[in-house]
Amino acid sequence: MLNAVVIMDGKDFNKIARFYMEKLYKLFIPPNFKHIFFNNGFESFNPEPGLSMLGALQIVVTRDPNYICI
């Protein structure tokens, strides 16, 4: 099997990634919304790269896994 590998130099990566994400989310998020909440929007064990890339904040809710709402 042949694989294609693309190596980026990282120049303007944050700007390009933010543009891509905003364009992607614009498809289903109305333009008048200022804040958006995602469930597990980023890697849960290392969220810092994703949060930094988009200038986002993370709220972590800890709960007892034995507690079930019915």
PDB file of N, CA and C in Angstrom:
ATOM      1  N   MET A   1       0.840  -1.189   0.000  1.00  0.00           N
ATOM      2  CA  MET A   1       0.000   0.000   0.000  1.00  0.00           C
ATOM      3  C   MET A   1       0.877   1.242   0.000  1.00  0.00           C
ATOM      4  N   LEU A   2       0.452   2.216  -0.734  1.00  0.00           N
ATOM      5  CA  LEU A   2       1.175   3.480  -0.782  1.00  0.00           C
ATOM      6  C   LEU A   2       0.422   4.513   0.050  1.00  0.00           C
ATOM      7  N   ASN A   3       1.154   5.327   0.764  1.00  0.00           N
ATOM      8  CA  ASN A   3       0.563   6.391   1.573  1.00  0.00           C
ATOM      9  C   ASN A   3       1.124   7.727   1.146  1.00  0.00           C
ATOM     10  N   ALA A   4       0.273   8.717   1.142  1.00  0.00           N
ATOM     11  CA  ALA A   4       0.723  10.083   0.878  1.00  0.00           C
ATOM     12  C   ALA A   4       0.870  10.793   2.214  1.00  0.00           C
ATOM     13  N   VAL A   5       2.003  11.414   2.422  1.00  0.00           N
ATOM     14  CA  VAL A   5       2.252  12.127   3.667  1.00  0.00           C
ATOM     15  C   VAL A   5       2.447  13.602   3.337  1.00  0.00           C
ATOM     16  N   VAL A   6       1.693  14.444   4.018  1.00  0.00           N
ATOM     17  CA  VAL A   6       1.809  15.887   3.822  1.00  0.00           C
ATOM     18  C   VAL A   6       2.419  16.476   5.079  1.00  0.00           C
ATOM     19  N   ILE A   7       3.496  17.199   4.939  1.00  0.00           N
ATOM     20  CA  ILE A   7       4.151  17.830   6.072  1.00  0.00           C
ATOM     21  C   ILE A   7       3.973  19.337   5.935  1.00  0.00           C
ATOM     22  N   MET A   8       3.363  19.935   6.967  1.00  0.00           N
ATOM     23  CA  MET A   8       3.132  21.376   6.962  1.00  0.00           C
ATOM     24  C   MET A   8       4.254  22.072   7.714  1.00  0.00           C
ATOM     25  N   ASP A   9       4.554  23.288   7.304  1.00  0.00           N
ATOM     26  CA  ASP A   9       5.588  24.038   8.008  1.00  0.00           C
ATOM     27  C   ASP A   9       5.043  24.749   9.248  1.00  0.00           C
ATOM     28  N   GLY A  10       3.725  24.775   9.410  1.00  0.00           N
ATOM     29  CA  GLY A  10       3.128  25.385  10.592  1.00  0.00           C
ATOM     30  C   GLY A  10       2.871  26.872  10.466  1.00  0.00           C
ATOM     31  N   LYS A  11       3.306  27.470   9.370  1.00  0.00           N
ATOM     32  CA  LYS A  11       3.099  28.907   9.185  1.00  0.00           C
ATOM     33  C   LYS A  11       1.607  29.195   9.072  1.00  0.00           C
ATOM     34  N   ASP A  12       1.119  30.096   9.906  1.00  0.00           N
ATOM     35  CA  ASP A  12      -0.293  30.506   9.927  1.00  0.00           C
ATOM     36  C   ASP A  12      -1.251  29.354  10.200  1.00  0.00           C
ATOM     37  N   PHE A  13      -0.781  28.287  10.846  1.00  0.00           N
ATOM     38  CA  PHE A  13      -1.654  27.145  11.101  1.00  0.00           C
ATOM     39  C   PHE A  13      -2.881  27.540  11.907  1.00  0.00           C
ATOM     40  N   ASN A  14      -2.681  28.307  12.990  1.00  0.00           N
ATOM     41  CA  ASN A  14      -3.816  28.696  13.834  1.00  0.00           C
ATOM     42  C   ASN A  14      -4.847  29.485  13.044  1.00  0.00           C
ATOM     43  N   LYS A  15      -4.395  30.411  12.220  1.00  0.00           N
ATOM     44  CA  LYS A  15      -5.303  31.234  11.427  1.00  0.00           C
ATOM     45  C   LYS A  15      -6.079  30.370  10.425  1.00  0.00           C
ATOM     46  N   ILE A  16      -5.391  29.481   9.757  1.00  0.00           N
ATOM     47  CA  ILE A  16      -6.025  28.622   8.763  1.00  0.00           C
ATOM     48  C   ILE A  16      -6.990  27.635   9.427  1.00  0.00           C
ATOM     49  N   ALA A  17      -6.588  27.042  10.550  1.00  0.00           N
ATOM     50  CA  ALA A  17      -7.446  26.093  11.259  1.00  0.00           C
ATOM     51  C   ALA A  17      -8.696  26.788  11.790  1.00  0.00           C
ATOM     52  N   ARG A  18      -8.545  27.995  12.328  1.00  0.00           N
ATOM     53  CA  ARG A  18      -9.699  28.732  12.838  1.00  0.00           C
ATOM     54  C   ARG A  18     -10.669  29.061  11.704  1.00  0.00           C
ATOM     55  N   PHE A  19     -10.135  29.491  10.560  1.00  0.00           N
ATOM     56  CA  PHE A  19     -10.971  29.782   9.392  1.00  0.00           C
ATOM     57  C   PHE A  19     -11.752  28.533   8.974  1.00  0.00           C
ATOM     58  N   TYR A  20     -11.065  27.389   8.930  1.00  0.00           N
ATOM     59  CA  TYR A  20     -11.709  26.130   8.556  1.00  0.00           C
ATOM     60  C   TYR A  20     -12.826  25.771   9.534  1.00  0.00           C
ATOM     61  N   MET A  21     -12.528  25.851  10.836  1.00  0.00           N
ATOM     62  CA  MET A  21     -13.529  25.488  11.843  1.00  0.00           C
ATOM     63  C   MET A  21     -14.732  26.421  11.790  1.00  0.00           C
ATOM     64  N   GLU A  22     -14.490  27.711  11.651  1.00  0.00           N
ATOM     65  CA  GLU A  22     -15.595  28.661  11.570  1.00  0.00           C
ATOM     66  C   GLU A  22     -16.443  28.400  10.333  1.00  0.00           C
ATOM     67  N   LYS A  23     -15.805  28.102   9.221  1.00  0.00           N
ATOM     68  CA  LYS A  23     -16.533  27.809   7.982  1.00  0.00           C
ATOM     69  C   LYS A  23     -17.346  26.517   8.133  1.00  0.00           C
ATOM     70  N   LEU A  24     -16.756  25.510   8.764  1.00  0.00           N
ATOM     71  CA  LEU A  24     -17.442  24.240   8.975  1.00  0.00           C
ATOM     72  C   LEU A  24     -18.672  24.415   9.863  1.00  0.00           C
ATOM     73  N   TYR A  25     -18.500  25.098  11.006  1.00  0.00           N
ATOM     74  CA  TYR A  25     -19.606  25.257  11.953  1.00  0.00           C
ATOM     75  C   TYR A  25     -20.672  26.211  11.439  1.00  0.00           C
ATOM     76  N   LYS A  26     -20.303  27.092  10.533  1.00  0.00           N
ATOM     77  CA  LYS A  26     -21.268  28.036   9.980  1.00  0.00           C
ATOM     78  C   LYS A  26     -22.408  27.307   9.258  1.00  0.00           C
ATOM     79  N   LEU A  27     -22.153  26.076   8.838  1.00  0.00           N
ATOM     80  CA  LEU A  27     -23.164  25.302   8.124  1.00  0.00           C
ATOM     81  C   LEU A  27     -24.381  24.987   8.988  1.00  0.00           C
ATOM     82  N   PHE A  28     -24.192  24.869  10.301  1.00  0.00           N
ATOM     83  CA  PHE A  28     -25.316  24.488  11.156  1.00  0.00           C
ATOM     84  C   PHE A  28     -25.491  25.344  12.407  1.00  0.00           C
ATOM     85  N   ILE A  29     -24.664  26.360  12.603  1.00  0.00           N
ATOM     86  CA  ILE A  29     -24.806  27.259  13.747  1.00  0.00           C
ATOM     87  C   ILE A  29     -25.183  28.643  13.229  1.00  0.00           C
ATOM     88  N   PRO A  30     -26.331  29.181  13.655  1.00  0.00           N
ATOM     89  CA  PRO A  30     -26.767  30.500  13.181  1.00  0.00           C
ATOM     90  C   PRO A  30     -25.741  31.585  13.507  1.00  0.00           C
ATOM     91  N   PRO A  31     -25.589  32.585  12.644  1.00  0.00           N
ATOM     92  CA  PRO A  31     -24.558  33.620  12.828  1.00  0.00           C
ATOM     93  C   PRO A  31     -24.763  34.523  14.045  1.00  0.00           C
ATOM     94  N   ASN A  32     -25.968  34.575  14.599  1.00  0.00           N
ATOM     95  CA  ASN A  32     -26.214  35.456  15.745  1.00  0.00           C
ATOM     96  C   ASN A  32     -25.827  34.817  17.080  1.00  0.00           C
ATOM     97  N   PHE A  33     -25.305  33.585  17.084  1.00  0.00           N
ATOM     98  CA  PHE A  33     -24.875  32.925  18.314  1.00  0.00           C
ATOM     99  C   PHE A  33     -23.454  33.348  18.647  1.00  0.00           C
ATOM    100  N   LYS A  34     -23.208  33.691  19.909  1.00  0.00           N
ATOM    101  CA  LYS A  34     -21.871  34.088  20.337  1.00  0.00           C
ATOM    102  C   LYS A  34     -21.126  32.958  21.037  1.00  0.00           C
ATOM    103  N   HIS A  35     -21.854  32.058  21.699  1.00  0.00           N
ATOM    104  CA  HIS A  35     -21.229  30.974  22.451  1.00  0.00           C
ATOM    105  C   HIS A  35     -21.819  29.648  22.002  1.00  0.00           C
ATOM    106  N   ILE A  36     -20.966  28.650  21.916  1.00  0.00           N
ATOM    107  CA  ILE A  36     -21.381  27.320  21.483  1.00  0.00           C
ATOM    108  C   ILE A  36     -20.818  26.306  22.468  1.00  0.00           C
ATOM    109  N   PHE A  37     -21.624  25.328  22.840  1.00  0.00           N
ATOM    110  CA  PHE A  37     -21.195  24.279  23.753  1.00  0.00           C
ATOM    111  C   PHE A  37     -21.128  22.957  23.009  1.00  0.00           C
ATOM    112  N   PHE A  38     -20.041  22.220  23.204  1.00  0.00           N
ATOM    113  CA  PHE A  38     -19.882  20.909  22.607  1.00  0.00           C
ATOM    114  C   PHE A  38     -19.695  19.884  23.711  1.00  0.00           C
ATOM    115  N   ASN A  39     -20.188  18.689  23.477  1.00  0.00           N
ATOM    116  CA  ASN A  39     -19.927  17.588  24.380  1.00  0.00           C
ATOM    117  C   ASN A  39     -18.714  16.849  23.824  1.00  0.00           C
ATOM    118  N   ASN A  40     -17.629  16.846  24.579  1.00  0.00           N
ATOM    119  CA  ASN A  40     -16.374  16.215  24.141  1.00  0.00           C
ATOM    120  C   ASN A  40     -15.897  16.791  22.811  1.00  0.00           C
ATOM    121  N   GLY A  41     -15.858  18.102  22.736  1.00  0.00           N
ATOM    122  CA  GLY A  41     -15.427  18.769  21.518  1.00  0.00           C
ATOM    123  C   GLY A  41     -13.953  18.590  21.209  1.00  0.00           C
ATOM    124  N   PHE A  42     -13.134  18.342  22.234  1.00  0.00           N
ATOM    125  CA  PHE A  42     -11.696  18.170  22.057  1.00  0.00           C
ATOM    126  C   PHE A  42     -11.240  16.907  22.758  1.00  0.00           C
ATOM    127  N   GLU A  43     -10.021  16.541  22.497  1.00  0.00           N
ATOM    128  CA  GLU A  43      -9.417  15.397  23.170  1.00  0.00           C
ATOM    129  C   GLU A  43      -9.512  15.610  24.674  1.00  0.00           C
ATOM    130  N   SER A  44     -10.161  14.706  25.360  1.00  0.00           N
ATOM    131  CA  SER A  44     -10.429  14.906  26.786  1.00  0.00           C
ATOM    132  C   SER A  44      -9.188  14.810  27.672  1.00  0.00           C
ATOM    133  N   PHE A  45      -8.174  14.085  27.270  1.00  0.00           N
ATOM    134  CA  PHE A  45      -6.986  13.932  28.104  1.00  0.00           C
ATOM    135  C   PHE A  45      -5.902  14.958  27.797  1.00  0.00           C
ATOM    136  N   ASN A  46      -6.038  15.679  26.681  1.00  0.00           N
ATOM    137  CA  ASN A  46      -5.085  16.718  26.336  1.00  0.00           C
ATOM    138  C   ASN A  46      -5.804  17.808  25.538  1.00  0.00           C
ATOM    139  N   PRO A  47      -6.675  18.572  26.181  1.00  0.00           N
ATOM    140  CA  PRO A  47      -7.498  19.550  25.451  1.00  0.00           C
ATOM    141  C   PRO A  47      -6.769  20.841  25.092  1.00  0.00           C
ATOM    142  N   GLU A  48      -5.616  21.099  25.680  1.00  0.00           N
ATOM    143  CA  GLU A  48      -4.949  22.394  25.512  1.00  0.00           C
ATOM    144  C   GLU A  48      -4.685  22.789  24.053  1.00  0.00           C
ATOM    145  N   PRO A  49      -4.183  21.899  23.186  1.00  0.00           N
ATOM    146  CA  PRO A  49      -3.952  22.319  21.800  1.00  0.00           C
ATOM    147  C   PRO A  49      -5.219  22.785  21.090  1.00  0.00           C
ATOM    148  N   GLY A  50      -6.303  22.051  21.254  1.00  0.00           N
ATOM    149  CA  GLY A  50      -7.560  22.443  20.617  1.00  0.00           C
ATOM    150  C   GLY A  50      -8.142  23.716  21.187  1.00  0.00           C
ATOM    151  N   LEU A  51      -8.069  23.864  22.499  1.00  0.00           N
ATOM    152  CA  LEU A  51      -8.585  25.068  23.146  1.00  0.00           C
ATOM    153  C   LEU A  51      -7.778  26.287  22.735  1.00  0.00           C
ATOM    154  N   SER A  52      -6.474  26.145  22.688  1.00  0.00           N
ATOM    155  CA  SER A  52      -5.614  27.265  22.308  1.00  0.00           C
ATOM    156  C   SER A  52      -5.823  27.659  20.851  1.00  0.00           C
ATOM    157  N   MET A  53      -6.009  26.669  19.996  1.00  0.00           N
ATOM    158  CA  MET A  53      -6.165  26.937  18.575  1.00  0.00           C
ATOM    159  C   MET A  53      -7.382  27.821  18.303  1.00  0.00           C
ATOM    160  N   LEU A  54      -8.468  27.588  19.032  1.00  0.00           N
ATOM    161  CA  LEU A  54      -9.699  28.338  18.791  1.00  0.00           C
ATOM    162  C   LEU A  54      -9.947  29.433  19.820  1.00  0.00           C
ATOM    163  N   GLY A  55      -9.059  29.599  20.769  1.00  0.00           N
ATOM    164  CA  GLY A  55      -9.291  30.585  21.816  1.00  0.00           C
ATOM    165  C   GLY A  55     -10.511  30.224  22.639  1.00  0.00           C
ATOM    166  N   ALA A  56     -10.689  28.935  22.899  1.00  0.00           N
ATOM    167  CA  ALA A  56     -11.881  28.436  23.582  1.00  0.00           C
ATOM    168  C   ALA A  56     -11.621  28.202  25.064  1.00  0.00           C
ATOM    169  N   LEU A  57     -12.682  28.004  25.803  1.00  0.00           N
ATOM    170  CA  LEU A  57     -12.620  27.655  27.222  1.00  0.00           C
ATOM    171  C   LEU A  57     -13.266  26.295  27.409  1.00  0.00           C
ATOM    172  N   GLN A  58     -12.900  25.626  28.476  1.00  0.00           N
ATOM    173  CA  GLN A  58     -13.452  24.310  28.756  1.00  0.00           C
ATOM    174  C   GLN A  58     -14.051  24.293  30.152  1.00  0.00           C
ATOM    175  N   ILE A  59     -15.229  23.704  30.265  1.00  0.00           N
ATOM    176  CA  ILE A  59     -15.876  23.489  31.556  1.00  0.00           C
ATOM    177  C   ILE A  59     -15.930  21.983  31.771  1.00  0.00           C
ATOM    178  N   VAL A  60     -15.390  21.523  32.890  1.00  0.00           N
ATOM    179  CA  VAL A  60     -15.372  20.098  33.185  1.00  0.00           C
ATOM    180  C   VAL A  60     -16.372  19.836  34.302  1.00  0.00           C
ATOM    181  N   VAL A  61     -17.297  18.924  34.045  1.00  0.00           N
ATOM    182  CA  VAL A  61     -18.295  18.540  35.042  1.00  0.00           C
ATOM    183  C   VAL A  61     -17.972  17.129  35.497  1.00  0.00           C
ATOM    184  N   THR A  62     -17.713  16.980  36.773  1.00  0.00           N
ATOM    185  CA  THR A  62     -17.411  15.669  37.336  1.00  0.00           C
ATOM    186  C   THR A  62     -18.656  15.155  38.032  1.00  0.00           C
ATOM    187  N   ARG A  63     -18.998  13.919  37.750  1.00  0.00           N
ATOM    188  CA  ARG A  63     -20.187  13.341  38.369  1.00  0.00           C
ATOM    189  C   ARG A  63     -19.904  11.904  38.765  1.00  0.00           C
ATOM    190  N   ASP A  64     -20.749  11.385  39.610  1.00  0.00           N
ATOM    191  CA  ASP A  64     -20.652  10.004  40.024  1.00  0.00           C
ATOM    192  C   ASP A  64     -21.189   9.129  38.883  1.00  0.00           C
ATOM    193  N   PRO A  65     -20.366   8.245  38.300  1.00  0.00           N
ATOM    194  CA  PRO A  65     -20.838   7.432  37.186  1.00  0.00           C
ATOM    195  C   PRO A  65     -21.951   6.453  37.579  1.00  0.00           C
ATOM    196  N   ASN A  66     -22.139   6.234  38.883  1.00  0.00           N
ATOM    197  CA  ASN A  66     -23.210   5.354  39.339  1.00  0.00           C
ATOM    198  C   ASN A  66     -24.557   6.066  39.388  1.00  0.00           C
ATOM    199  N   TYR A  67     -24.546   7.386  39.309  1.00  0.00           N
ATOM    200  CA  TYR A  67     -25.778   8.156  39.360  1.00  0.00           C
ATOM    201  C   TYR A  67     -26.416   8.175  37.980  1.00  0.00           C
ATOM    202  N   ILE A  68     -27.633   7.691  37.883  1.00  0.00           N
ATOM    203  CA  ILE A  68     -28.341   7.631  36.610  1.00  0.00           C
ATOM    204  C   ILE A  68     -29.639   8.405  36.738  1.00  0.00           C
ATOM    205  N   CYS A  69     -29.837   9.371  35.856  1.00  0.00           N
ATOM    206  CA  CYS A  69     -31.094  10.127  35.836  1.00  0.00           C
ATOM    207  C   CYS A  69     -32.095   9.403  34.954  1.00  0.00           C
ATOM    208  N   ILE A  70     -33.299   9.263  35.463  1.00  0.00           N
ATOM    209  CA  ILE A  70     -34.360   8.585  34.680  1.00  0.00           C
ATOM    210  C   ILE A  70     -35.486   9.568  34.466  1.00  0.00           C
TER     211      ILE A  70
END
